[in-house]
C-alpha atoms as a PDB file:
ATOM      1  CA  MET A   1     111.717 108.281 121.150  1.00  0.00           C
ATOM      2  CA  GLY A   2     108.915 105.858 121.966  1.00  0.00           C
ATOM      3  CA  ASP A   3     109.079 102.123 122.563  1.00  0.00           C
ATOM      4  CA  ILE A   4     108.041 101.482 118.973  1.00  0.00           C
ATOM      5  CA  GLY A   5     110.906 103.615 117.624  1.00  0.00           C
ATOM      6  CA  ARG A   6     113.408 101.807 119.858  1.00  0.00           C
ATOM      7  CA  ARG A   7     112.017  98.454 118.771  1.00  0.00           C
ATOM      8  CA  TYR A   8     112.804  99.284 115.110  1.00  0.00           C
ATOM      9  CA  LEU A   9     116.326 100.350 116.034  1.00  0.00           C
ATOM     10  CA  LEU A  10     116.943  96.923 117.541  1.00  0.00           C
ATOM     11  CA  LEU A  11     115.686  94.944 114.550  1.00  0.00           C
ATOM     12  CA  ALA A  12     118.085  93.417 112.040  1.00  0.00           C
ATOM     13  CA  ASP A  13     118.051  94.763 108.470  1.00  0.00           C
ATOM     14  CA  GLU A  14     116.386  91.581 107.198  1.00  0.00           C
ATOM     15  CA  ASP A  15     113.560  91.983 109.722  1.00  0.00           C
ATOM     16  CA  LEU A  16     113.093  95.627 108.782  1.00  0.00           C
ATOM     17  CA  LEU A  17     112.944  94.667 105.114  1.00  0.00           C
ATOM     18  CA  SER A  18     110.278  92.069 105.887  1.00  0.00           C
ATOM     19  CA  LEU A  19     108.204  94.794 107.515  1.00  0.00           C
ATOM     20  CA  VAL A  20     108.863  97.133 104.577  1.00  0.00           C
ATOM     21  CA  GLU A  21     107.549  94.420 102.265  1.00  0.00           C
ATOM     22  CA  ARG A  22     104.309  94.613 104.288  1.00  0.00           C
ATOM     23  CA  ARG A  23     104.347  98.417 103.765  1.00  0.00           C
ATOM     24  CA  ASP A  24     105.428  99.426 107.283  1.00  0.00           C
ATOM     25  CA  PRO A  25     106.544 103.091 106.970  1.00  0.00           C
ATOM     26  CA  ASP A  26     108.340 103.084 110.372  1.00  0.00           C
ATOM     27  CA  ALA A  27     110.447 100.104 109.338  1.00  0.00           C
ATOM     28  CA  PHE A  28     111.234 101.859 106.072  1.00  0.00           C
ATOM     29  CA  ALA A  29     112.262 105.018 107.962  1.00  0.00           C
ATOM     30  CA  ALA A  30     114.553 102.962 110.212  1.00  0.00           C
ATOM     31  CA  LEU A  31     116.112 101.247 107.182  1.00  0.00           C
ATOM     32  CA  TYR A  32     116.564 104.610 105.480  1.00  0.00           C
ATOM     33  CA  ASP A  33     118.181 106.136 108.583  1.00  0.00           C
ATOM     34  CA  ARG A  34     120.547 103.199 108.770  1.00  0.00           C
ATOM     35  CA  HIS A  35     121.715 103.173 105.149  1.00  0.00           C
ATOM     36  CA  SER A  36     121.052 106.583 103.600  1.00  0.00           C
ATOM     37  CA  ARG A  37     124.500 108.019 104.449  1.00  0.00           C
ATOM     38  CA  ALA A  38     126.334 105.173 102.726  1.00  0.00           C
ATOM     39  CA  ALA A  39     123.906 105.426  99.803  1.00  0.00           C
ATOM     40  CA  TYR A  40     124.411 109.186  99.505  1.00  0.00           C
ATOM     41  CA  SER A  41     128.182 108.773  99.631  1.00  0.00           C
ATOM     42  CA  LEU A  42     128.098 106.302  96.732  1.00  0.00           C
ATOM     43  CA  ALA A  43     125.576 108.410  94.811  1.00  0.00           C
ATOM     44  CA  TYR A  44     127.702 111.534  95.190  1.00  0.00           C
ATOM     45  CA  ARG A  45     130.813 109.703  93.948  1.00  0.00           C
ATOM     46  CA  MET A  46     128.870 108.494  90.920  1.00  0.00           C
ATOM     47  CA  MET A  47     126.962 111.656  90.020  1.00  0.00           C
ATOM     48  CA  GLY A  48     129.452 114.312  91.122  1.00  0.00           C
ATOM     49  CA  GLU A  49     126.894 116.812  92.374  1.00  0.00           C
ATOM     50  CA  ARG A  50     124.670 117.133  95.423  1.00  0.00           C
ATOM     51  CA  GLN A  51     121.227 117.423  93.807  1.00  0.00           C
ATOM     52  CA  ALA A  52     121.807 114.540  91.401  1.00  0.00           C
ATOM     53  CA  ALA A  53     123.082 112.393  94.285  1.00  0.00           C
ATOM     54  CA  GLU A  54     120.037 113.216  96.416  1.00  0.00           C
ATOM     55  CA  ASP A  55     117.710 112.400  93.525  1.00  0.00           C
ATOM     56  CA  LEU A  56     119.486 109.101  92.954  1.00  0.00           C
ATOM     57  CA  VAL A  57     119.211 108.145  96.645  1.00  0.00           C
ATOM     58  CA  GLN A  58     115.519 108.968  96.608  1.00  0.00           C
ATOM     59  CA  ASP A  59     115.018 106.927  93.440  1.00  0.00           C
ATOM     60  CA  ALA A  60     116.917 103.946  94.884  1.00  0.00           C
ATOM     61  CA  PHE A  61     114.991 103.956  98.171  1.00  0.00           C
ATOM     62  CA  LEU A  62     111.734 104.206  96.264  1.00  0.00           C
ATOM     63  CA  LYS A  63     112.806 101.022  94.461  1.00  0.00           C
ATOM     64  CA  VAL A  64     113.611  99.449  97.860  1.00  0.00           C
ATOM     65  CA  TRP A  65     110.088 100.324  99.069  1.00  0.00           C
ATOM     66  CA  ARG A  66     108.484  98.851  95.946  1.00  0.00           C
ATOM     67  CA  SER A  67     110.657  95.731  95.667  1.00  0.00           C
ATOM     68  CA  ALA A  68     111.427  94.736  99.248  1.00  0.00           C
ATOM     69  CA  GLY A  69     110.105  91.257  98.462  1.00  0.00           C
ATOM     70  CA  SER A  70     112.797  90.681  95.830  1.00  0.00           C
ATOM     71  CA  TYR A  71     115.637  90.760  98.380  1.00  0.00           C
ATOM     72  CA  ARG A  72     117.475  87.405  98.711  1.00  0.00           C
ATOM     73  CA  ALA A  73     119.697  86.976 101.759  1.00  0.00           C
ATOM     74  CA  GLU A  74     121.860  84.368  99.998  1.00  0.00           C
ATOM     75  CA  ARG A  75     123.024  87.047  97.553  1.00  0.00           C
ATOM     76  CA  GLY A  76     124.357  89.417 100.198  1.00  0.00           C
ATOM     77  CA  SER A  77     123.441  91.772 103.009  1.00  0.00           C
ATOM     78  CA  VAL A  78     120.574  94.254 102.895  1.00  0.00           C
ATOM     79  CA  ARG A  79     123.129  97.076 102.755  1.00  0.00           C
ATOM     80  CA  THR A  80     124.799  95.474  99.724  1.00  0.00           C
ATOM     81  CA  TRP A  81     121.397  95.010  98.085  1.00  0.00           C
ATOM     82  CA  ILE A  82     120.431  98.648  98.646  1.00  0.00           C
ATOM     83  CA  LEU A  83     123.783  99.914  97.366  1.00  0.00           C
ATOM     84  CA  SER A  84     123.576  97.659  94.302  1.00  0.00           C
ATOM     85  CA  ILE A  85     120.115  99.052  93.515  1.00  0.00           C
ATOM     86  CA  LEU A  86     121.544 102.560  93.830  1.00  0.00           C
ATOM     87  CA  HIS A  87     124.584 101.663  91.722  1.00  0.00           C
ATOM     88  CA  ASN A  88     122.465 100.133  88.941  1.00  0.00           C
ATOM     89  CA  ARG A  89     120.060 103.061  88.860  1.00  0.00           C
ATOM     90  CA  GLY A  90     123.011 105.480  88.840  1.00  0.00           C
ATOM     91  CA  ILE A  91     124.583 103.690  85.887  1.00  0.00           C
ATOM     92  CA  ASP A  92     121.234 103.807  84.067  1.00  0.00           C
ATOM     93  CA  GLN A  93     121.004 107.551  84.677  1.00  0.00           C
ATOM     94  CA  LEU A  94     124.594 108.163  83.576  1.00  0.00           C
ATOM     95  CA  ARG A  95     124.049 106.118  80.404  1.00  0.00           C
ATOM     96  CA  SER A  96     120.856 108.023  79.696  1.00  0.00           C
ATOM     97  CA  GLN A  97     122.659 111.345  80.179  1.00  0.00           C
ATOM     98  CA  ALA A  98     125.487 110.188  77.905  1.00  0.00           C
ATOM     99  CA  SER A  99     122.998 109.045  75.277  1.00  0.00           C
ATOM    100  CA  ARG A 100     121.179 112.390  75.374  1.00  0.00           C
ATOM    101  CA  LEU A 101     124.527 114.193  75.126  1.00  0.00           C
ATOM    102  CA  ARG A 102     125.581 112.094  72.109  1.00  0.00           C
ATOM    103  CA  ALA A 103     122.223 112.744  70.437  1.00  0.00           C
ATOM    104  CA  ARG A 104     122.536 116.470  71.104  1.00  0.00           C
ATOM    105  CA  GLU A 105     126.097 116.473  69.705  1.00  0.00           C
ATOM    106  CA  ARG A 106     124.925 114.615  66.580  1.00  0.00           C
ATOM    107  CA  LEU A 107     122.100 117.088  66.192  1.00  0.00           C
ATOM    108  CA  GLU A 108     124.452 120.057  66.562  1.00  0.00           C
ATOM    109  CA  ALA A 109     126.900 118.524  64.105  1.00  0.00           C
ATOM    110  CA  SER A 110     124.152 117.937  61.565  1.00  0.00           C
ATOM    111  CA  ALA A 111     122.837 121.470  62.112  1.00  0.00           C
ATOM    112  CA  GLU A 112     126.254 122.833  61.142  1.00  0.00           C
ATOM    113  CA  LYS A 113     126.181 120.991  57.842  1.00  0.00           C
ATOM    114  CA  VAL A 114     122.593 120.245  56.964  1.00  0.00           C
ATOM    115  CA  GLN A 115     123.074 116.913  55.240  1.00  0.00           C
ATOM    116  CA  PRO A 116     120.170 114.535  54.702  1.00  0.00           C
ATOM    117  CA  SER A 117     120.313 111.332  56.699  1.00  0.00           C
ATOM    118  CA  GLU A 118     121.105 107.994  55.056  1.00  0.00           C
ATOM    119  CA  ALA A 119     117.430 107.022  54.923  1.00  0.00           C
ATOM    120  CA  PHE A 120     116.636 110.368  53.316  1.00  0.00           C
ATOM    121  CA  SER A 121     119.376 109.797  50.723  1.00  0.00           C
ATOM    122  CA  GLU A 122     117.799 106.460  49.777  1.00  0.00           C
ATOM    123  CA  THR A 123     114.399 108.122  49.404  1.00  0.00           C
ATOM    124  CA  LEU A 124     115.903 110.739  47.119  1.00  0.00           C
ATOM    125  CA  ARG A 125     116.997 108.018  44.703  1.00  0.00           C
ATOM    126  CA  SER A 126     113.372 107.375  43.798  1.00  0.00           C
ATOM    127  CA  SER A 127     111.794 108.831  40.663  1.00  0.00           C
ATOM    128  CA  GLN A 128     110.612 111.856  42.654  1.00  0.00           C
ATOM    129  CA  ARG A 129     113.933 112.699  44.282  1.00  0.00           C
ATOM    130  CA  GLU A 130     114.407 116.045  42.558  1.00  0.00           C
ATOM    131  CA  GLN A 131     110.846 117.096  43.316  1.00  0.00           C
ATOM    132  CA  VAL A 132     111.146 116.091  46.959  1.00  0.00           C
ATOM    133  CA  ARG A 133     114.496 117.857  47.300  1.00  0.00           C
ATOM    134  CA  GLU A 134     113.092 121.021  45.772  1.00  0.00           C
ATOM    135  CA  ALA A 135     110.001 120.906  48.014  1.00  0.00           C
ATOM    136  CA  MET A 136     112.128 120.360  51.118  1.00  0.00           C
ATOM    137  CA  SER A 137     114.395 123.249  50.188  1.00  0.00           C
ATOM    138  CA  THR A 138     111.444 125.621  50.405  1.00  0.00           C
ATOM    139  CA  LEU A 139     110.965 124.877  54.117  1.00  0.00           C
ATOM    140  CA  PRO A 140     112.347 127.063  56.891  1.00  0.00           C
ATOM    141  CA  PRO A 141     115.322 125.381  58.647  1.00  0.00           C
ATOM    142  CA  GLU A 142     113.381 124.735  61.880  1.00  0.00           C
ATOM    143  CA  GLN A 143     110.648 122.810  60.002  1.00  0.00           C
ATOM    144  CA  LEU A 144     113.170 120.991  57.835  1.00  0.00           C
ATOM    145  CA  LYS A 145     115.160 119.802  60.873  1.00  0.00           C
ATOM    146  CA  ILE A 146     112.052 118.442  62.603  1.00  0.00           C
ATOM    147  CA  LEU A 147     110.880 116.581  59.497  1.00  0.00           C
ATOM    148  CA  GLU A 148     114.338 115.080  58.976  1.00  0.00           C
ATOM    149  CA  LEU A 149     114.521 113.917  62.601  1.00  0.00           C
ATOM    150  CA  ALA A 150     111.022 112.425  62.509  1.00  0.00           C
ATOM    151  CA  TYR A 151     110.856 110.825  59.070  1.00  0.00           C
ATOM    152  CA  PHE A 152     114.432 110.041  58.254  1.00  0.00           C
ATOM    153  CA  SER A 153     116.055 109.443  61.643  1.00  0.00           C
ATOM    154  CA  GLY A 154     113.078 107.810  63.337  1.00  0.00           C
ATOM    155  CA  TYR A 155     112.725 110.100  66.366  1.00  0.00           C
ATOM    156  CA  THR A 156     109.364 110.509  68.077  1.00  0.00           C
ATOM    157  CA  HIS A 157     107.779 113.918  68.698  1.00  0.00           C
ATOM    158  CA  THR A 158     108.784 113.704  72.361  1.00  0.00           C
ATOM    159  CA  GLU A 159     112.397 112.776  71.542  1.00  0.00           C
ATOM    160  CA  ILE A 160     112.648 115.642  69.049  1.00  0.00           C
ATOM    161  CA  ALA A 161     111.272 118.071  71.624  1.00  0.00           C
ATOM    162  CA  GLU A 162     113.897 116.873  74.118  1.00  0.00           C
ATOM    163  CA  LEU A 163     116.739 116.964  71.560  1.00  0.00           C
ATOM    164  CA  LEU A 164     115.907 120.461  70.391  1.00  0.00           C
ATOM    165  CA  GLY A 165     114.872 121.775  73.798  1.00  0.00           C
ATOM    166  CA  LEU A 166     111.453 122.796  72.460  1.00  0.00           C
ATOM    167  CA  PRO A 167     107.933 122.359  73.823  1.00  0.00           C
ATOM    168  CA  LEU A 168     106.159 119.315  72.385  1.00  0.00           C
ATOM    169  CA  GLY A 169     103.414 121.521  70.913  1.00  0.00           C
ATOM    170  CA  THR A 170     106.005 123.569  69.016  1.00  0.00           C
ATOM    171  CA  VAL A 171     107.508 120.419  67.493  1.00  0.00           C
ATOM    172  CA  LYS A 172     104.082 119.148  66.402  1.00  0.00           C
ATOM    173  CA  GLY A 173     103.124 122.548  65.012  1.00  0.00           C
ATOM    174  CA  ARG A 174     106.324 122.903  62.990  1.00  0.00           C
ATOM    175  CA  MET A 175     105.929 119.369  61.656  1.00  0.00           C
ATOM    176  CA  ARG A 176     102.313 120.039  60.628  1.00  0.00           C
ATOM    177  CA  LEU A 177     103.300 123.303  58.900  1.00  0.00           C
ATOM    178  CA  GLY A 178     106.241 121.664  57.117  1.00  0.00           C
ATOM    179  CA  LEU A 179     104.078 118.815  55.790  1.00  0.00           C
ATOM    180  CA  LYS A 180     101.385 121.265  54.719  1.00  0.00           C
ATOM    181  CA  LYS A 181     103.949 123.343  52.786  1.00  0.00           C
ATOM    182  CA  ILE A 182     105.305 120.244  51.028  1.00  0.00           C
ATOM    183  CA  ARG A 183     101.769 119.148  50.075  1.00  0.00           C
ATOM    184  CA  GLU A 184     100.993 122.653  48.781  1.00  0.00           C
ATOM    185  CA  TYR A 185     104.246 122.644  46.797  1.00  0.00           C
ATOM    186  CA  PHE A 186     103.271 119.433  44.982  1.00  0.00           C
ATOM    187  CA  GLU A 187      99.657 120.488  44.467  1.00  0.00           C
ATOM    188  CA  SER A 188     100.668 123.887  43.047  1.00  0.00           C
ATOM    189  CA  ARG A 189     102.686 122.072  40.368  1.00  0.00           C
ATOM    190  CA  ASP A 190     100.024 119.414  39.677  1.00  0.00           C
ATOM    191  CA  LEU A 191     102.397 116.707  40.929  1.00  0.00           C
ATOM    192  CA  ALA A 192     101.400 113.584  42.844  1.00  0.00           C
ATOM    193  CA  VAL A 193     102.089 114.027  46.554  1.00  0.00           C
ATOM    194  CA  PRO A 194     104.619 111.323  47.584  1.00  0.00           C
ATOM    195  CA  ARG A 195     103.313 108.808  50.132  1.00  0.00           C
END
């Protein structure tokens, strides 16, 4: 280990963070070496698996690198600051996972009993409700589900792809085909296409 490496080992956390703020990679490495074990331990307790914990530590230290200037000594030690960043990012990830799980469960529950959403039910009350219902019933289930999620539940193409575990192009293609079939249904019966 050279003199420079030893010099970083002797610096206080606050001094290392000052150097990290100026984009010093050696200071960042020293800070990481000092606090990564404690960070990993917390991450593992939160996430419950090795890979997720490693990803969380990496994400938290990336935030440390980008936001070193936001550290305030009066709020606590550098170690506390790093662990709080990790904790907050872990909670965000866990909430996101829980949200995706709830959405997937709702989707699976609605797939079991294909019921139109509340917004769809309101639309059906219009003067064209029977025509729309009949047109929708002609669609294959995979197109129907995508149209319901997009138009009546407000999901984006990307969210639908994630919920259904499909490629984005597949979702867009099924939506395009479903809309085309509905338009053709109305045109074949000389009915006005609903807008």
